[in-house]
Amino acid sequence: EQAEQVEQAEQVMAGRAQTLRLVLGDQLNPEYKWFQTADAGIVYVLMEVRQETDYVRHHAQKIIAIFAAMRDFACQLREMGHRVRYVALDDPSNRQSITENLAALIQHYEAQALEWQSPDEWRLDTQLRTWAAAQLVTTQEVDSGHFLTGRDEVARIFSGRKQWLMEHFYRNMRRRYALLMDSGGKPEGGQWNFDADNRKPWPGDPPEPPDARPLHDHRAIWELLQRCGVDSFGDPQATQFRWPLNRREALLCLDAFIEKALPQFGDFEDAMSSKSQRLFHSLLSFALNVKMLSPLEVVRRAEDAYRGGHAPLAAVEGFIRQIAGWREYVRGIYWAHMPGYDAHNALSHTTPLPPWFWSAETRMRCMQHAVGQSLQTAHAHHIQRLMVIGNFALLAGLDPHALHRWYLGVYVDAFEWVELPNTLGMSQRADGGLIATKPYVSSAAYINRMSDYCKGCAYDHKQKLGADACPFNALYWDFFARHEAEFGKNARLGMVYRQLKKMQGPQLEALREQAATAVANLANL
């Protein structure tokens, strides 16, 4: 029905237009200034193109979520009185390239001007600017108005510094937006960061709140992707689809998080459980990253919950730090270091990803669950991404570029500006330590402490050697032995290297041999 409405509307929208305005699939903000007044001389252009489905192999849900939200957004714009040209994936006129489609549409509408909001990914930004510079029509790029900082602000703040530590930036943001600040200009509670209070394992109580996200049936889009030969992976869940279509649904998800999950979010934000996929996480990252929600409204809602006595300070501070701090910070890292950041490989890791990254068929229960959940739901929370999947990848020396492409494809909220610094920098330390002061790795002890994954696993989390020993343990010590020249003088790793020194000789040799065997046998772990 929606497709028929789109086709009928476009048949009557074929007349001339003075201006075309491009709306990308992650620019679905109905409150943006463009849309406040309807103008018959302007046509808004949205397009489904193979350029975007194919630049990396994506999870089926990611493609479906973006296409479904774009189609809904086009309907919203029409209801607001705007002219819209929606180029569907199977449209006979679709050139499957953003710029080639724009060239054809400019000619079709005899348009004199083209406008677009700044893309968040370097590849699209470069493509549009380069193409626009060669056009005869007037072209204009405008800011999306979404982020709390400009592209270059992080670079300015850290100018001349060797390390760009987030804490310095985060405090700047708290002051700038008066987030969780008391009347005297000091941080609420007398400290900036309550991360130490947010590291509890989940005992199973309180229970995970119900999933408030609406259900959708997107089998028509899934059939379209299959018919057009789009290569994807993961479970499409096309008839039981949970990602929001629009701002109205995203706001309902925000309401549910603030009311039901935020009070427990802090305590259990680092916890993992085979019995729960969401725990108390917001799952708002997709809605934020396609701009259904603004970051400022989200953090203000969280702050209001604290000031109203509904949620504890540690929970609210931790949540605000993720959005007003880390999210803005990694975007600044991205724009300061692109192009070229994606080529870094400071530790020279080159081992291919094992095949179970696409099947979850591994005997390591933690990886089985974290990868399996990613394949099933197109989502995993930050500790699953960093301290299970990323941790194993770094310890095993997996190729960070291959891992980057996997993360970029598998997660519904993954766009390169946010995913690349998180993967290559924070997780894999491929940037040489620009973001992180130490590598984020652990043995099995951390995973056992923060989850129930080790219970019932084929491997023993307490054992370092032998056929039943957890691979994380030998890989952990081998990693630090291999990279002693890089990390041996790191003050935060002094205890690790003191322990490693005590292991010198047969014990360390046995651990390193066990690690080498694990890497050689990755496909069968």
Protein backbone atom coordinates (compact mmCIF):
# COMPACT_ATOMS: atom_id res chain seq x y z
CA GLU A 1 0.00 0.00 0.00
CA GLN A 2 2.81 2.39 0.92
CA ALA A 3 4.64 1.64 -2.33
CA GLU A 4 1.45 2.35 -4.34
CA GLN A 5 1.02 5.70 -2.57
CA VAL A 6 4.62 6.58 -3.36
CA GLU A 7 4.16 5.69 -7.05
CA GLN A 8 0.89 7.65 -7.35
CA ALA A 9 2.35 10.70 -5.65
CA GLU A 10 5.42 10.71 -7.87
CA GLN A 11 3.32 10.55 -11.00
CA VAL A 12 1.85 13.95 -10.15
CA MET A 13 5.16 15.42 -9.02
CA ALA A 14 6.93 15.37 -12.35
CA GLY A 15 6.72 19.11 -13.07
CA ARG A 16 9.57 21.57 -12.96
CA ALA A 17 11.27 22.57 -9.72
CA GLN A 18 13.64 25.39 -8.91
CA THR A 19 15.57 23.49 -6.23
CA LEU A 20 16.29 19.89 -5.34
CA ARG A 21 17.14 19.06 -1.76
CA LEU A 22 18.85 15.74 -1.05
CA VAL A 23 17.88 13.88 2.12
CA LEU A 24 20.18 11.00 3.04
CA GLY A 25 19.04 7.89 4.88
CA ASP A 26 20.53 9.08 8.17
CA GLN A 27 18.96 12.56 8.00
CA LEU A 28 15.39 11.73 8.96
CA ASN A 29 14.63 14.66 11.25
CA PRO A 30 11.13 16.06 10.58
CA GLU A 31 11.89 19.07 12.80
CA TYR A 32 14.79 20.25 10.63
CA LYS A 33 14.51 23.86 9.45
CA TRP A 34 14.02 22.83 5.81
CA PHE A 35 10.68 21.23 6.53
CA GLN A 36 8.97 24.00 8.47
CA THR A 37 7.48 25.65 5.36
CA ALA A 38 6.23 23.97 2.18
CA ASP A 39 7.42 25.42 -1.14
CA ALA A 40 6.15 24.11 -4.49
CA GLY A 41 9.46 25.09 -6.08
CA ILE A 42 11.40 22.60 -3.95
CA VAL A 43 11.54 18.83 -4.42
CA TYR A 44 12.97 16.67 -1.66
CA VAL A 45 14.91 13.69 -3.00
CA LEU A 46 15.36 10.41 -1.14
CA MET A 47 16.85 7.36 -2.82
CA GLU A 48 17.57 3.70 -2.22
CA VAL A 49 20.80 2.89 -4.07
CA ARG A 50 23.15 -0.04 -4.42
CA GLN A 51 25.97 2.37 -3.75
CA GLU A 52 24.81 2.41 -0.13
CA THR A 53 23.70 -1.19 0.26
CA ASP A 54 26.93 -2.53 -1.23
CA TYR A 55 29.88 -0.40 -0.01
CA VAL A 56 30.18 -2.92 2.82
CA ARG A 57 28.23 -6.13 3.43
CA HIS A 58 25.43 -5.12 5.79
CA HIS A 59 23.17 -6.91 8.23
CA ALA A 60 19.75 -7.36 6.61
CA GLN A 61 18.05 -5.50 9.46
CA LYS A 62 20.27 -2.47 8.98
CA ILE A 63 19.26 -2.08 5.33
CA ILE A 64 15.60 -2.78 6.10
CA ALA A 65 15.55 -0.33 9.01
CA ILE A 66 16.98 2.51 6.94
CA PHE A 67 14.80 1.85 3.90
CA ALA A 68 11.65 1.53 6.01
CA ALA A 69 12.42 4.74 7.89
CA MET A 70 13.19 6.60 4.65
CA ARG A 71 9.89 5.49 3.12
CA ASP A 72 8.00 6.57 6.22
CA PHE A 73 9.83 9.91 6.20
CA ALA A 74 8.86 10.51 2.57
CA CYS A 75 5.22 9.95 3.56
CA GLN A 76 5.61 12.40 6.46
CA LEU A 77 7.01 15.07 4.15
CA ARG A 78 4.13 14.65 1.71
CA GLU A 79 1.64 14.93 4.55
CA MET A 80 3.36 18.20 5.52
CA GLY A 81 2.72 19.51 2.00
CA HIS A 82 6.18 19.02 0.51
CA ARG A 83 7.03 17.69 -2.93
CA VAL A 84 9.01 14.47 -2.72
CA ARG A 85 10.79 12.31 -5.27
CA TYR A 86 11.47 8.89 -3.79
CA VAL A 87 13.69 6.68 -5.93
CA ALA A 88 13.05 3.08 -4.88
CA LEU A 89 15.71 0.41 -5.27
CA ASP A 90 13.89 -1.23 -8.19
CA ASP A 91 12.85 2.02 -9.92
CA PRO A 92 13.72 1.64 -13.64
CA SER A 93 15.23 5.14 -13.59
CA ASN A 94 17.51 4.35 -10.63
CA ARG A 95 21.20 4.62 -11.60
CA GLN A 96 22.13 3.10 -8.19
CA SER A 97 24.47 6.02 -7.50
CA ILE A 98 23.58 9.12 -5.49
CA THR A 99 25.36 11.55 -7.79
CA GLU A 100 24.23 9.90 -11.03
CA ASN A 101 20.65 10.00 -9.81
CA LEU A 102 21.02 13.64 -8.83
CA ALA A 103 22.34 14.52 -12.28
CA ALA A 104 19.37 12.81 -13.92
CA LEU A 105 16.87 14.47 -11.57
CA ILE A 106 18.34 17.93 -12.07
CA GLN A 107 17.81 17.45 -15.79
CA HIS A 108 14.34 15.97 -15.31
CA TYR A 109 13.07 18.82 -13.11
CA GLU A 110 15.11 21.46 -14.95
CA ALA A 111 16.32 22.50 -11.50
CA GLN A 112 18.59 25.48 -11.03
CA ALA A 113 19.90 24.61 -7.58
CA LEU A 114 20.83 21.63 -5.43
CA GLU A 115 21.12 21.65 -1.65
CA TRP A 116 22.20 18.95 0.78
CA GLN A 117 22.87 18.57 4.48
CA SER A 118 26.46 17.76 5.42
CA PRO A 119 26.93 13.98 5.37
CA ASP A 120 28.38 12.40 8.49
CA GLU A 121 30.65 10.01 6.58
CA TRP A 122 33.82 11.19 4.86
CA ARG A 123 33.23 9.10 1.73
CA LEU A 124 29.82 10.71 1.06
CA ASP A 125 31.03 14.17 1.99
CA THR A 126 33.89 13.87 -0.50
CA GLN A 127 31.69 12.35 -3.19
CA LEU A 128 29.10 15.12 -3.03
CA ARG A 129 31.57 18.00 -2.78
CA THR A 130 33.70 16.71 -5.64
CA TRP A 131 30.68 16.10 -7.86
CA ALA A 132 29.01 19.42 -6.98
CA ALA A 133 32.13 21.39 -7.86
CA ALA A 134 31.79 20.25 -11.48
CA GLN A 135 28.07 21.13 -11.85
CA LEU A 136 26.62 24.12 -13.67
CA VAL A 137 23.70 24.50 -11.24
CA THR A 138 24.02 26.38 -7.96
CA THR A 139 24.96 24.01 -5.13
CA GLN A 140 24.89 24.56 -1.39
CA GLU A 141 25.83 22.42 1.60
CA VAL A 142 24.19 23.18 4.95
CA ASP A 143 24.74 21.80 8.44
CA SER A 144 22.37 19.10 9.66
CA GLY A 145 22.02 20.91 12.99
CA HIS A 146 22.11 17.59 14.82
CA PHE A 147 25.33 17.44 16.80
CA LEU A 148 26.34 19.36 19.91
CA THR A 149 29.71 20.27 18.40
CA GLY A 150 31.07 21.22 15.00
CA ARG A 151 33.17 18.79 13.01
CA ASP A 152 36.43 20.52 13.91
CA GLU A 153 35.82 21.37 17.57
CA VAL A 154 37.50 18.29 19.02
CA ALA A 155 40.59 18.99 16.91
CA ARG A 156 40.68 22.57 18.20
CA ILE A 157 40.28 21.50 21.83
CA PHE A 158 43.13 18.98 21.57
CA SER A 159 45.41 21.03 19.33
CA GLY A 160 49.05 20.28 20.18
CA ARG A 161 48.26 17.31 22.49
CA LYS A 162 49.73 13.86 21.84
CA GLN A 163 46.74 12.03 23.32
CA TRP A 164 43.15 13.14 22.87
CA LEU A 165 41.61 11.92 26.10
CA MET A 166 37.84 11.98 26.28
CA GLU A 167 37.57 13.06 29.92
CA HIS A 168 38.93 16.54 29.14
CA PHE A 169 36.43 16.94 26.30
CA TYR A 170 33.56 15.55 28.38
CA ARG A 171 34.04 18.09 31.16
CA ASN A 172 34.08 20.84 28.56
CA MET A 173 30.72 19.60 27.24
CA ARG A 174 29.18 19.40 30.69
CA ARG A 175 30.10 23.00 31.38
CA ARG A 176 29.06 24.20 27.93
CA TYR A 177 25.56 22.73 28.14
CA ALA A 178 25.20 22.99 31.93
CA LEU A 179 24.58 19.25 32.17
CA LEU A 180 24.44 17.89 35.71
CA MET A 181 26.05 21.04 37.11
CA ASP A 182 25.10 22.49 40.48
CA SER A 183 24.30 26.15 41.17
CA GLY A 184 27.94 26.85 41.99
CA GLY A 185 29.19 25.64 38.63
CA LYS A 186 30.49 22.34 40.06
CA PRO A 187 29.54 18.84 38.90
CA GLU A 188 26.56 17.32 40.68
CA GLY A 189 27.67 14.99 43.45
CA GLY A 190 31.10 16.59 43.64
CA GLN A 191 32.69 14.52 40.88
CA TRP A 192 32.57 14.34 37.10
CA ASN A 193 32.51 10.61 36.59
CA PHE A 194 30.71 7.83 38.43
CA ASP A 195 31.96 5.00 36.23
CA ALA A 196 33.28 3.07 39.24
CA ASP A 197 29.69 2.74 40.49
CA ASN A 198 28.47 1.30 37.19
CA ARG A 199 30.23 -2.06 37.07
CA LYS A 200 27.93 -4.54 38.73
CA PRO A 201 27.06 -7.97 37.30
CA TRP A 202 23.34 -8.57 36.85
CA PRO A 203 21.97 -11.17 39.31
CA GLY A 204 18.70 -11.54 37.38
CA ASP A 205 16.76 -9.11 39.54
CA PRO A 206 15.38 -6.53 38.92
CA PRO A 207 14.02 -8.10 35.73
CA GLU A 208 14.70 -6.65 32.31
CA PRO A 209 11.84 -4.30 31.40
CA PRO A 210 9.54 -5.26 28.50
CA ASP A 211 10.69 -4.35 25.01
CA ALA A 212 8.78 -1.13 24.28
CA ARG A 213 9.81 -0.94 20.63
CA PRO A 214 6.92 -1.32 18.15
CA LEU A 215 6.58 -4.38 15.94
CA HIS A 216 6.61 -4.01 12.16
CA ASP A 217 6.19 -6.32 9.21
CA HIS A 218 8.78 -5.43 6.57
CA ARG A 219 8.64 -8.58 4.48
CA ALA A 220 7.97 -6.47 1.35
CA ILE A 221 11.30 -4.65 1.77
CA TRP A 222 13.09 -7.91 2.49
CA GLU A 223 11.60 -9.45 -0.66
CA LEU A 224 12.72 -6.36 -2.60
CA LEU A 225 16.31 -6.77 -1.36
CA GLN A 226 16.31 -10.43 -2.30
CA ARG A 227 14.76 -9.76 -5.70
CA CYS A 228 17.37 -7.11 -6.45
CA GLY A 229 20.23 -9.36 -5.38
CA VAL A 230 21.45 -7.26 -2.45
CA ASP A 231 23.98 -9.29 -0.49
CA SER A 232 23.41 -9.16 3.26
CA PHE A 233 23.84 -11.35 6.33
CA GLY A 234 22.18 -11.89 9.69
CA ASP A 235 18.55 -12.59 10.56
CA PRO A 236 16.24 -10.14 8.73
CA GLN A 237 13.39 -10.65 11.25
CA ALA A 238 11.30 -9.01 8.55
CA THR A 239 7.94 -9.91 10.09
CA GLN A 240 8.93 -9.18 13.72
CA PHE A 241 10.88 -5.98 13.17
CA ARG A 242 11.61 -3.83 16.23
CA TRP A 243 13.50 -0.73 15.03
CA PRO A 244 11.50 2.55 15.06
CA LEU A 245 10.15 3.93 11.81
CA ASN A 246 9.94 7.57 12.77
CA ARG A 247 10.33 10.23 15.43
CA ARG A 248 6.99 9.45 17.05
CA GLU A 249 8.00 5.84 17.66
CA ALA A 250 11.49 6.89 18.75
CA LEU A 251 10.02 9.24 21.35
CA LEU A 252 7.91 6.39 22.72
CA CYS A 253 11.11 4.34 23.04
CA LEU A 254 12.78 7.24 24.83
CA ASP A 255 9.83 7.54 27.22
CA ALA A 256 9.99 3.84 28.02
CA PHE A 257 13.73 3.94 28.66
CA ILE A 258 13.53 6.93 30.99
CA GLU A 259 10.65 5.42 32.94
CA LYS A 260 11.52 1.73 33.05
CA ALA A 261 15.26 1.23 32.42
CA LEU A 262 17.27 4.35 33.28
CA PRO A 263 17.00 3.85 37.08
CA GLN A 264 18.89 0.53 36.75
CA PHE A 265 21.01 1.46 33.74
CA GLY A 266 24.01 2.62 35.74
CA ASP A 267 24.33 -0.39 38.00
CA PHE A 268 24.21 -2.88 35.14
CA GLU A 269 25.46 -0.98 32.08
CA ASP A 270 28.58 -3.20 31.89
CA ALA A 271 26.78 -6.46 32.75
CA MET A 272 26.18 -9.25 30.25
CA SER A 273 23.79 -12.18 30.43
CA SER A 274 22.77 -15.07 28.23
CA LYS A 275 19.26 -14.59 29.63
CA SER A 276 18.88 -11.02 28.39
CA GLN A 277 19.72 -9.23 25.17
CA ARG A 278 18.83 -5.70 26.27
CA LEU A 279 19.09 -5.52 30.06
CA PHE A 280 18.63 -1.81 30.85
CA HIS A 281 20.15 -0.27 27.73
CA SER A 282 18.18 2.32 25.80
CA LEU A 283 18.58 0.93 22.24
CA LEU A 284 18.15 4.55 21.09
CA SER A 285 21.38 4.63 19.07
CA PHE A 286 19.69 3.85 15.74
CA ALA A 287 17.08 6.59 16.26
CA LEU A 288 19.82 9.03 17.28
CA ASN A 289 22.14 8.19 14.40
CA VAL A 290 19.45 8.62 11.74
CA LYS A 291 18.40 11.84 13.55
CA MET A 292 14.89 10.90 14.61
CA LEU A 293 16.01 12.12 18.03
CA SER A 294 18.41 14.90 18.93
CA PRO A 295 21.21 14.20 21.42
CA LEU A 296 20.35 17.29 23.46
CA GLU A 297 16.72 16.32 24.01
CA VAL A 298 17.78 12.82 25.05
CA VAL A 299 20.33 13.94 27.65
CA ARG A 300 17.97 16.64 28.95
CA ARG A 301 15.31 13.98 29.51
CA ALA A 302 17.82 11.91 31.48
CA GLU A 303 18.89 14.92 33.53
CA ASP A 304 15.25 15.73 34.29
CA ALA A 305 14.82 12.17 35.57
CA TYR A 306 17.67 12.73 38.03
CA ARG A 307 16.44 16.13 39.17
CA GLY A 308 12.93 14.72 39.60
CA GLY A 309 14.22 11.93 41.84
CA HIS A 310 13.36 9.20 39.34
CA ALA A 311 16.89 7.97 38.53
CA PRO A 312 20.16 7.96 40.52
CA LEU A 313 23.01 10.29 39.65
CA ALA A 314 25.45 7.52 38.70
CA ALA A 315 23.02 6.09 36.14
CA VAL A 316 22.20 9.46 34.60
CA GLU A 317 25.82 10.62 34.52
CA GLY A 318 26.89 7.39 32.82
CA PHE A 319 24.18 7.73 30.19
CA ILE A 320 24.90 11.42 29.54
CA ARG A 321 28.62 10.64 29.24
CA GLN A 322 27.90 8.18 26.43
CA ILE A 323 25.96 10.73 24.37
CA ALA A 324 27.22 14.24 25.19
CA GLY A 325 30.72 12.94 25.82
CA TRP A 326 31.77 9.85 23.92
CA ARG A 327 29.47 10.17 20.89
CA GLU A 328 30.54 13.74 20.16
CA TYR A 329 34.18 12.94 20.95
CA VAL A 330 34.53 10.04 18.49
CA ARG A 331 32.86 12.12 15.78
CA GLY A 332 35.51 14.76 16.31
CA ILE A 333 38.26 12.13 16.20
CA TYR A 334 36.84 10.87 12.91
CA TRP A 335 36.74 14.22 11.17
CA ALA A 336 40.14 15.29 12.51
CA HIS A 337 41.88 12.19 11.16
CA MET A 338 40.08 11.35 7.91
CA PRO A 339 41.11 10.50 5.32
CA GLY A 340 43.65 7.95 6.46
CA TYR A 341 42.43 6.96 9.90
CA ASP A 342 40.89 3.81 8.45
CA ALA A 343 44.32 2.67 7.21
CA HIS A 344 45.98 2.54 10.65
CA ASN A 345 47.27 -0.79 11.93
CA ALA A 346 49.79 0.15 14.63
CA LEU A 347 50.12 -3.41 15.98
CA SER A 348 50.45 -4.99 12.50
CA HIS A 349 47.65 -7.50 13.08
CA THR A 350 46.64 -9.38 9.93
CA THR A 351 44.87 -12.63 10.91
CA PRO A 352 41.59 -13.07 8.96
CA LEU A 353 38.30 -13.19 10.85
CA PRO A 354 37.24 -16.78 11.56
CA PRO A 355 34.11 -17.99 9.73
CA TRP A 356 32.03 -18.07 12.93
CA PHE A 357 31.84 -14.26 12.85
CA TRP A 358 29.04 -14.93 10.33
CA SER A 359 27.54 -18.01 12.00
CA ALA A 360 28.29 -17.78 15.77
CA GLU A 361 29.26 -21.47 15.58
CA THR A 362 32.02 -21.43 18.19
CA ARG A 363 32.41 -23.35 21.45
CA MET A 364 33.38 -20.16 23.32
CA ARG A 365 30.06 -19.36 24.96
CA CYS A 366 30.77 -15.64 25.37
CA MET A 367 31.59 -15.23 21.67
CA GLN A 368 28.75 -17.54 20.70
CA HIS A 369 26.30 -15.33 22.56
CA ALA A 370 27.72 -11.91 21.68
CA VAL A 371 28.22 -12.71 17.98
CA GLY A 372 24.98 -14.69 17.85
CA GLN A 373 23.00 -11.81 19.34
CA SER A 374 24.62 -9.43 16.85
CA LEU A 375 23.60 -11.65 13.95
CA GLN A 376 20.09 -12.12 15.30
CA THR A 377 19.25 -8.56 16.39
CA ALA A 378 21.80 -6.29 14.61
CA HIS A 379 22.66 -4.98 18.08
CA ALA A 380 24.93 -5.64 21.04
CA HIS A 381 25.73 -3.27 23.86
CA HIS A 382 29.09 -1.56 24.33
CA ILE A 383 30.67 -4.14 26.63
CA GLN A 384 29.73 -7.02 24.35
CA ARG A 385 31.26 -5.10 21.44
CA LEU A 386 34.38 -3.97 23.32
CA MET A 387 35.18 -6.57 25.99
CA VAL A 388 33.98 -9.76 24.33
CA ILE A 389 34.17 -9.48 20.53
CA GLY A 390 36.74 -6.69 20.35
CA ASN A 391 38.76 -8.15 23.21
CA PHE A 392 39.08 -11.52 21.48
CA ALA A 393 39.91 -9.89 18.15
CA LEU A 394 42.73 -7.84 19.66
CA LEU A 395 44.18 -10.73 21.68
CA ALA A 396 44.10 -13.04 18.65
CA GLY A 397 45.65 -10.44 16.34
CA LEU A 398 42.70 -10.28 13.94
CA ASP A 399 42.94 -7.83 11.04
CA PRO A 400 41.48 -4.55 12.40
CA HIS A 401 40.35 -3.48 8.93
CA ALA A 402 38.36 -6.68 8.43
CA LEU A 403 36.93 -6.25 11.92
CA HIS A 404 36.01 -2.63 11.10
CA ARG A 405 34.08 -3.75 8.04
CA TRP A 406 32.28 -6.41 10.10
CA TYR A 407 31.28 -3.95 12.83
CA LEU A 408 30.21 -1.39 10.24
CA GLY A 409 28.01 -3.98 8.55
CA VAL A 410 26.57 -5.94 11.45
CA TYR A 411 25.18 -3.20 13.72
CA VAL A 412 22.03 -1.27 12.87
CA ASP A 413 23.45 1.88 14.50
CA ALA A 414 26.86 1.66 12.80
CA PHE A 415 27.79 4.58 10.59
CA GLU A 416 31.46 5.09 9.86
CA TRP A 417 31.87 8.35 11.81
CA VAL A 418 31.00 6.59 15.07
CA GLU A 419 32.03 3.00 14.33
CA LEU A 420 35.52 3.56 12.91
CA PRO A 421 37.10 5.35 15.92
CA ASN A 422 35.39 2.91 18.27
CA THR A 423 36.74 -0.12 16.39
CA LEU A 424 40.19 0.89 15.16
CA GLY A 425 40.93 3.25 18.05
CA MET A 426 39.17 2.21 21.25
CA SER A 427 38.82 -1.51 20.59
CA GLN A 428 41.82 -2.52 18.44
CA ARG A 429 44.30 0.25 19.30
CA ALA A 430 45.24 0.36 15.65
CA ASP A 431 45.62 4.15 15.89
CA GLY A 432 48.65 3.77 18.16
CA GLY A 433 46.92 4.98 21.30
CA LEU A 434 45.41 8.26 20.15
CA ILE A 435 42.14 7.50 21.97
CA ALA A 436 42.96 4.91 24.63
CA THR A 437 45.75 5.04 27.22
CA LYS A 438 45.90 1.24 27.36
CA PRO A 439 44.58 -1.67 25.29
CA TYR A 440 41.10 -2.87 26.27
CA VAL A 441 41.83 -6.55 26.82
CA SER A 442 41.19 -9.02 29.59
CA SER A 443 41.51 -12.67 30.42
CA ALA A 444 38.47 -14.85 31.06
CA ALA A 445 38.27 -13.57 34.66
CA TYR A 446 36.64 -10.28 33.61
CA ILE A 447 34.07 -11.99 31.40
CA ASN A 448 33.23 -14.44 34.19
CA ARG A 449 32.85 -11.61 36.69
CA MET A 450 30.55 -9.52 34.48
CA SER A 451 28.42 -12.25 32.91
CA ASP A 452 27.07 -15.77 33.10
CA TYR A 453 28.73 -16.71 29.82
CA CYS A 454 31.35 -18.96 31.42
CA LYS A 455 28.73 -21.21 33.04
CA GLY A 456 28.21 -24.23 30.83
CA CYS A 457 30.97 -23.23 28.41
CA ALA A 458 33.02 -25.94 26.73
CA TYR A 459 36.13 -24.20 28.08
CA ASP A 460 37.19 -23.68 31.70
CA HIS A 461 37.64 -20.00 32.49
CA LYS A 462 40.03 -20.86 35.34
CA GLN A 463 42.45 -22.85 33.22
CA LYS A 464 45.32 -21.32 31.22
CA LEU A 465 46.75 -24.49 29.67
CA GLY A 466 45.33 -27.67 28.17
CA ALA A 467 42.57 -28.61 25.74
CA ASP A 468 39.83 -27.36 28.08
CA ALA A 469 41.47 -24.02 28.95
CA CYS A 470 39.65 -20.84 27.92
CA PRO A 471 41.45 -19.40 24.87
CA PHE A 472 41.23 -15.88 26.33
CA ASN A 473 43.76 -16.75 29.06
CA ALA A 474 46.75 -17.85 26.99
CA LEU A 475 45.96 -15.25 24.34
CA TYR A 476 45.98 -12.55 27.03
CA TRP A 477 49.52 -13.29 28.21
CA ASP A 478 50.80 -13.91 24.71
CA PHE A 479 49.42 -10.51 23.62
CA PHE A 480 51.41 -8.65 26.25
CA ALA A 481 54.52 -10.73 25.63
CA ARG A 482 54.32 -10.04 21.88
CA HIS A 483 53.80 -6.32 22.38
CA GLU A 484 56.15 -5.63 25.30
CA ALA A 485 58.06 -3.05 23.25
CA GLU A 486 54.80 -1.15 22.76
CA PHE A 487 53.28 -1.48 26.24
CA GLY A 488 56.05 -2.49 28.64
CA LYS A 489 56.59 1.07 29.92
CA ASN A 490 52.89 1.97 30.13
CA ALA A 491 52.24 3.04 33.72
CA ARG A 492 48.72 1.57 33.63
CA LEU A 493 50.11 -1.86 32.75
CA GLY A 494 52.83 -2.10 35.40
CA MET A 495 51.11 -4.92 37.29
CA VAL A 496 50.62 -6.92 34.09
CA TYR A 497 54.29 -6.77 33.20
CA ARG A 498 55.41 -7.54 36.74
CA GLN A 499 53.33 -10.71 36.59
CA LEU A 500 54.64 -11.48 33.11
CA LYS A 501 58.19 -11.19 34.40
CA LYS A 502 57.47 -13.84 37.03
CA MET A 503 56.27 -16.17 34.26
CA GLN A 504 59.49 -16.02 32.23
CA GLY A 505 60.73 -19.46 31.23
CA PRO A 506 58.74 -22.68 30.72
CA GLN A 507 55.43 -21.24 32.02
CA LEU A 508 55.38 -18.36 29.55
CA GLU A 509 56.64 -20.57 26.73
CA ALA A 510 53.76 -22.98 27.36
CA LEU A 511 51.23 -20.12 27.37
CA ARG A 512 52.61 -18.72 24.13
CA GLU A 513 52.53 -22.15 22.51
CA GLN A 514 48.91 -22.57 23.66
CA ALA A 515 48.07 -19.16 22.17
CA ALA A 516 49.76 -19.99 18.87
CA THR A 517 47.77 -23.22 18.65
CA ALA A 518 44.54 -21.30 19.29
CA VAL A 519 45.28 -18.76 16.55
CA ALA A 520 46.23 -21.52 14.11
CA ASN A 521 42.94 -23.26 14.93
CA LEU A 522 40.61 -20.21 15.10
CA ALA A 523 37.96 -21.73 12.89
CA ASN A 524 37.48 -24.61 15.31
CA LEU A 525 37.59 -22.84 18.66
